[in-house]
Amino acid sequence: MTGKVTLNGQPLPEGTITIEATDDMGGVDGGMITNGEYKVMTTPGDKLVKINATKVVGQKKTYNTPDSPMEDIVQEIIPPKYNQKSELNVTVKEDATSHDFTLEGKK
């Protein structure tokens, strides 16, 4: 399955896409979204799609020591209706494997 993912009319720079079978005809497949495009190997059938993307909003110490390395604090930029509480459903057919996703919501 291939396609494009946009958020608020713009290609999603990077993220992940997960495709879960809802009809007992397959498992869970996934892949990366790069420059608004994705490609995932999956089986035909009814699927639930989840799309995630994060942005760095700060940094924190990994450990509570003076010489601790820093790690990024990230925040999900995709609304829950497209991932945790996904409303995205598609039927993958052997002869039509392209699906685009137009997402709306605040970043």
Protein backbone atom coordinates (compact mmCIF):
# COMPACT_ATOMS: atom_id res chain seq x y z
CA MET A 1 0.00 0.00 0.00
CA THR A 2 1.34 3.42 -0.92
CA GLY A 3 0.07 6.95 -0.69
CA LYS A 4 0.42 10.49 0.59
CA VAL A 5 -0.20 11.94 4.05
CA THR A 6 -0.94 15.62 4.57
CA LEU A 7 -1.55 17.57 7.77
CA ASN A 8 -3.45 20.85 7.39
CA GLY A 9 -2.84 20.81 3.65
CA GLN A 10 0.94 20.28 3.90
CA PRO A 11 2.87 17.02 3.33
CA LEU A 12 3.73 15.42 6.68
CA PRO A 13 7.54 15.77 6.85
CA GLU A 14 8.07 12.56 8.82
CA GLY A 15 6.14 10.13 10.95
CA THR A 16 4.93 6.55 11.16
CA ILE A 17 1.93 4.69 9.79
CA THR A 18 0.51 1.51 11.29
CA ILE A 19 -2.01 -0.66 9.45
CA GLU A 20 -3.94 -3.17 11.55
CA ALA A 21 -6.21 -5.88 10.18
CA THR A 22 -9.80 -5.63 11.47
CA ASP A 23 -11.16 -8.64 9.61
CA ASP A 24 -8.89 -11.46 10.86
CA MET A 25 -7.22 -11.50 7.42
CA GLY A 26 -3.79 -10.30 8.52
CA GLY A 27 -1.74 -8.79 11.31
CA VAL A 28 -0.17 -5.42 11.96
CA ASP A 29 2.06 -3.76 9.37
CA GLY A 30 3.79 -0.40 9.44
CA GLY A 31 6.34 1.91 7.99
CA MET A 32 7.79 5.38 7.85
CA ILE A 33 6.28 8.51 6.35
CA THR A 34 8.88 10.68 4.63
CA ASN A 35 8.12 13.94 2.81
CA GLY A 36 4.41 13.10 2.94
CA GLU A 37 4.75 9.68 1.33
CA TYR A 38 4.63 6.13 2.67
CA LYS A 39 4.93 2.56 1.44
CA VAL A 40 3.80 -0.41 3.55
CA MET A 41 3.57 -4.07 2.61
CA THR A 42 0.19 -5.36 3.80
CA THR A 43 -2.43 -7.94 2.92
CA PRO A 44 -5.84 -7.27 1.35
CA GLY A 45 -8.76 -6.71 3.72
CA ASP A 46 -10.33 -4.20 6.09
CA LYS A 47 -7.75 -2.14 8.00
CA LEU A 48 -7.53 0.38 10.82
CA VAL A 49 -4.85 3.01 10.13
CA LYS A 50 -2.91 4.94 12.78
CA ILE A 51 -0.63 7.85 11.93
CA ASN A 52 1.85 9.37 14.38
CA ALA A 53 4.34 12.22 14.22
CA THR A 54 6.19 14.07 16.94
CA LYS A 55 8.13 17.28 17.39
CA VAL A 56 10.82 18.17 19.92
CA VAL A 57 9.50 20.62 22.53
CA GLY A 58 12.46 20.69 24.91
CA GLN A 59 15.18 18.70 26.61
CA LYS A 60 15.73 17.11 30.00
CA LYS A 61 18.53 15.32 31.82
CA THR A 62 18.51 11.55 31.39
CA TYR A 63 19.73 11.09 34.99
CA ASN A 64 19.71 13.32 38.06
CA THR A 65 23.47 13.88 37.99
CA PRO A 66 25.53 16.95 37.05
CA ASP A 67 27.15 15.23 34.04
CA SER A 68 23.97 13.57 32.77
CA PRO A 69 23.40 13.49 29.02
CA MET A 70 20.36 15.36 27.71
CA GLU A 71 17.42 13.74 25.94
CA ASP A 72 14.68 15.27 23.82
CA ILE A 73 11.16 15.80 25.11
CA VAL A 74 8.76 15.08 22.26
CA GLN A 75 5.08 15.84 21.74
CA GLU A 76 2.59 14.15 19.38
CA ILE A 77 1.46 16.59 16.66
CA ILE A 78 -1.24 14.39 15.12
CA PRO A 79 -4.70 14.53 16.80
CA PRO A 80 -5.81 11.34 18.64
CA LYS A 81 -8.60 10.66 16.11
CA TYR A 82 -5.83 9.61 13.70
CA ASN A 83 -3.85 7.38 16.11
CA GLN A 84 -4.84 6.53 19.72
CA LYS A 85 -8.55 6.82 18.88
CA SER A 86 -8.19 6.32 15.15
CA GLU A 87 -11.18 6.83 12.88
CA LEU A 88 -9.18 5.96 9.75
CA ASN A 89 -10.46 2.81 8.06
CA VAL A 90 -9.59 1.50 4.60
CA THR A 91 -10.28 -1.59 2.57
CA VAL A 92 -7.12 -2.78 0.84
CA LYS A 93 -7.81 -4.53 -2.46
CA GLU A 94 -5.29 -6.44 -4.53
CA ASP A 95 -5.88 -4.24 -7.58
CA ALA A 96 -6.10 -0.85 -5.77
CA THR A 97 -3.35 -0.34 -3.23
CA SER A 98 -3.03 3.45 -3.11
CA HIS A 99 -4.63 5.38 -0.25
CA ASP A 100 -4.03 9.04 0.60
CA PHE A 101 -4.76 10.47 4.04
CA THR A 102 -5.73 14.12 4.57
CA LEU A 103 -5.42 14.97 8.25
CA GLU A 104 -6.71 18.14 9.90
CA GLY A 105 -5.91 19.48 13.35
CA LYS A 106 -3.64 21.75 15.30
CA LYS A 107 0.06 21.04 15.35
